[in-house]
C-alpha atoms as a PDB file:
ATOM      1  CA  MET A   1      14.351 -92.117  23.522  1.00  0.00           C
ATOM      2  CA  ALA A   2      13.834 -93.335  27.089  1.00  0.00           C
ATOM      3  CA  SER A   3      10.844 -92.416  29.208  1.00  0.00           C
ATOM      4  CA  CYS A   4      11.082 -90.939  32.695  1.00  0.00           C
ATOM      5  CA  PRO A   5       8.511 -90.237  35.425  1.00  0.00           C
ATOM      6  CA  LEU A   6       6.706 -86.898  35.259  1.00  0.00           C
ATOM      7  CA  SER A   7       7.717 -86.027  38.824  1.00  0.00           C
ATOM      8  CA  LEU A   8      11.415 -85.825  37.834  1.00  0.00           C
ATOM      9  CA  LEU A   9      10.962 -83.130  35.164  1.00  0.00           C
ATOM     10  CA  SER A  10      11.803 -79.453  35.603  1.00  0.00           C
ATOM     11  CA  PRO A  11       9.308 -76.602  35.165  1.00  0.00           C
ATOM     12  CA  GLY A  12       8.979 -75.624  31.511  1.00  0.00           C
ATOM     13  CA  THR A  13       9.687 -79.132  30.242  1.00  0.00           C
ATOM     14  CA  VAL A  14       7.467 -80.335  27.399  1.00  0.00           C
ATOM     15  CA  GLY A  15       7.000 -84.000  26.617  1.00  0.00           C
ATOM     16  CA  LYS A  16       4.675 -86.678  25.348  1.00  0.00           C
ATOM     17  CA  ILE A  17       3.009 -89.187  27.651  1.00  0.00           C
ATOM     18  CA  THR A  18       4.164 -92.707  26.829  1.00  0.00           C
ATOM     19  CA  GLY A  19       2.259 -94.595  29.498  1.00  0.00           C
ATOM     20  CA  VAL A  20       0.494 -94.571  32.842  1.00  0.00           C
ATOM     21  CA  HIS A  21       1.590 -97.356  35.188  1.00  0.00           C
ATOM     22  CA  ALA A  22      -1.078 -97.244  37.873  1.00  0.00           C
ATOM     23  CA  GLY A  23      -4.008 -99.230  39.164  1.00  0.00           C
ATOM     24  CA  HIS A  24      -7.345 -99.220  37.360  1.00  0.00           C
ATOM     25  CA  GLY A  25      -8.905 -96.426  39.462  1.00  0.00           C
ATOM     26  CA  LEU A  26      -6.017 -93.962  39.229  1.00  0.00           C
ATOM     27  CA  ARG A  27      -5.481 -94.709  35.552  1.00  0.00           C
ATOM     28  CA  ARG A  28      -9.165 -94.009  34.852  1.00  0.00           C
ATOM     29  CA  ARG A  29      -8.954 -90.723  36.788  1.00  0.00           C
ATOM     30  CA  LEU A  30      -5.817 -89.563  34.955  1.00  0.00           C
ATOM     31  CA  TYR A  31      -7.310 -90.518  31.591  1.00  0.00           C
ATOM     32  CA  ALA A  32     -10.436 -88.474  32.448  1.00  0.00           C
ATOM     33  CA  LEU A  33      -8.168 -85.451  33.000  1.00  0.00           C
ATOM     34  CA  GLY A  34      -6.641 -85.936  29.548  1.00  0.00           C
ATOM     35  CA  LEU A  35      -3.389 -87.530  30.698  1.00  0.00           C
ATOM     36  CA  VAL A  36      -3.508 -90.258  28.063  1.00  0.00           C
ATOM     37  CA  PRO A  37      -0.710 -91.822  26.004  1.00  0.00           C
ATOM     38  CA  GLU A  38       0.446 -89.601  23.117  1.00  0.00           C
ATOM     39  CA  ALA A  39      -0.877 -86.410  24.805  1.00  0.00           C
ATOM     40  CA  THR A  40       1.545 -83.482  25.008  1.00  0.00           C
ATOM     41  CA  ILE A  41       2.148 -82.264  28.553  1.00  0.00           C
ATOM     42  CA  THR A  42       4.010 -79.270  30.002  1.00  0.00           C
ATOM     43  CA  VAL A  43       5.322 -78.990  33.566  1.00  0.00           C
ATOM     44  CA  VAL A  44       4.220 -75.555  34.794  1.00  0.00           C
ATOM     45  CA  THR A  45       5.578 -75.595  38.358  1.00  0.00           C
ATOM     46  CA  ARG A  46       7.003 -78.122  40.752  1.00  0.00           C
ATOM     47  CA  ASP A  47       6.485 -77.511  44.444  1.00  0.00           C
ATOM     48  CA  ARG A  48       7.351 -79.595  47.480  1.00  0.00           C
ATOM     49  CA  GLY A  49       4.257 -81.759  47.419  1.00  0.00           C
ATOM     50  CA  SER A  50       2.605 -81.192  44.064  1.00  0.00           C
ATOM     51  CA  ILE A  51       3.323 -80.697  40.410  1.00  0.00           C
ATOM     52  CA  ILE A  52       1.196 -78.428  38.229  1.00  0.00           C
ATOM     53  CA  VAL A  53       0.955 -79.565  34.629  1.00  0.00           C
ATOM     54  CA  SER A  54      -0.751 -78.259  31.531  1.00  0.00           C
ATOM     55  CA  VAL A  55      -2.416 -80.692  29.152  1.00  0.00           C
ATOM     56  CA  CYS A  56      -5.034 -79.973  26.473  1.00  0.00           C
ATOM     57  CA  GLY A  57      -5.137 -76.305  27.514  1.00  0.00           C
ATOM     58  CA  CYS A  58      -6.018 -77.081  31.161  1.00  0.00           C
ATOM     59  CA  ARG A  59      -3.890 -76.989  34.298  1.00  0.00           C
ATOM     60  CA  TYR A  60      -3.974 -79.728  36.906  1.00  0.00           C
ATOM     61  CA  ALA A  61      -2.197 -80.255  40.215  1.00  0.00           C
ATOM     62  CA  LEU A  62      -0.892 -83.777  40.743  1.00  0.00           C
ATOM     63  CA  SER A  63       0.689 -85.241  43.841  1.00  0.00           C
ATOM     64  CA  ARG A  64       4.241 -86.505  43.482  1.00  0.00           C
ATOM     65  CA  GLY A  65       2.977 -90.072  43.873  1.00  0.00           C
ATOM     66  CA  MET A  66       0.555 -89.664  40.987  1.00  0.00           C
ATOM     67  CA  ALA A  67       3.206 -87.984  38.856  1.00  0.00           C
ATOM     68  CA  MET A  68       5.625 -90.889  39.436  1.00  0.00           C
ATOM     69  CA  LYS A  69       3.177 -93.172  37.629  1.00  0.00           C
ATOM     70  CA  VAL A  70       3.024 -91.068  34.450  1.00  0.00           C
ATOM     71  CA  LEU A  71       5.912 -91.757  32.054  1.00  0.00           C
ATOM     72  CA  ILE A  72       7.061 -88.985  29.723  1.00  0.00           C
ATOM     73  CA  GLU A  73       9.262 -88.905  26.639  1.00  0.00           C
ATOM     74  CA  LEU A  74      10.909 -85.509  26.236  1.00  0.00           C
ATOM     75  CA  GLU A  75      10.260 -83.640  23.014  1.00  0.00           C
ATOM     76  CA  VAL A  76      13.398 -82.633  21.172  1.00  0.00           C
ATOM     77  CA  ALA A  77      13.283 -79.169  19.616  1.00  0.00           C
ATOM     78  CA  ALA A  78      13.813 -79.129  15.844  1.00  0.00           C
ATOM     79  CA  GLN A  79      17.019 -77.398  14.785  1.00  0.00           C
END
């Protein structure tokens, strides 16, 4: 399944982080928040300038620019 940037997802979407394509400093900051490859992430809300996500039981607000650098693979619900 293809990956897409976090900033394009709708509220309520659950997915798995496949990669972070950012510079060393931003990547280190996102990893410190728990936004690491293979982590499950949920989009809580999406506002004009920021996106609130839930990862590892914590909520974080990310700017759209930061969210564009986090690639997500959507989780398919089992039928």
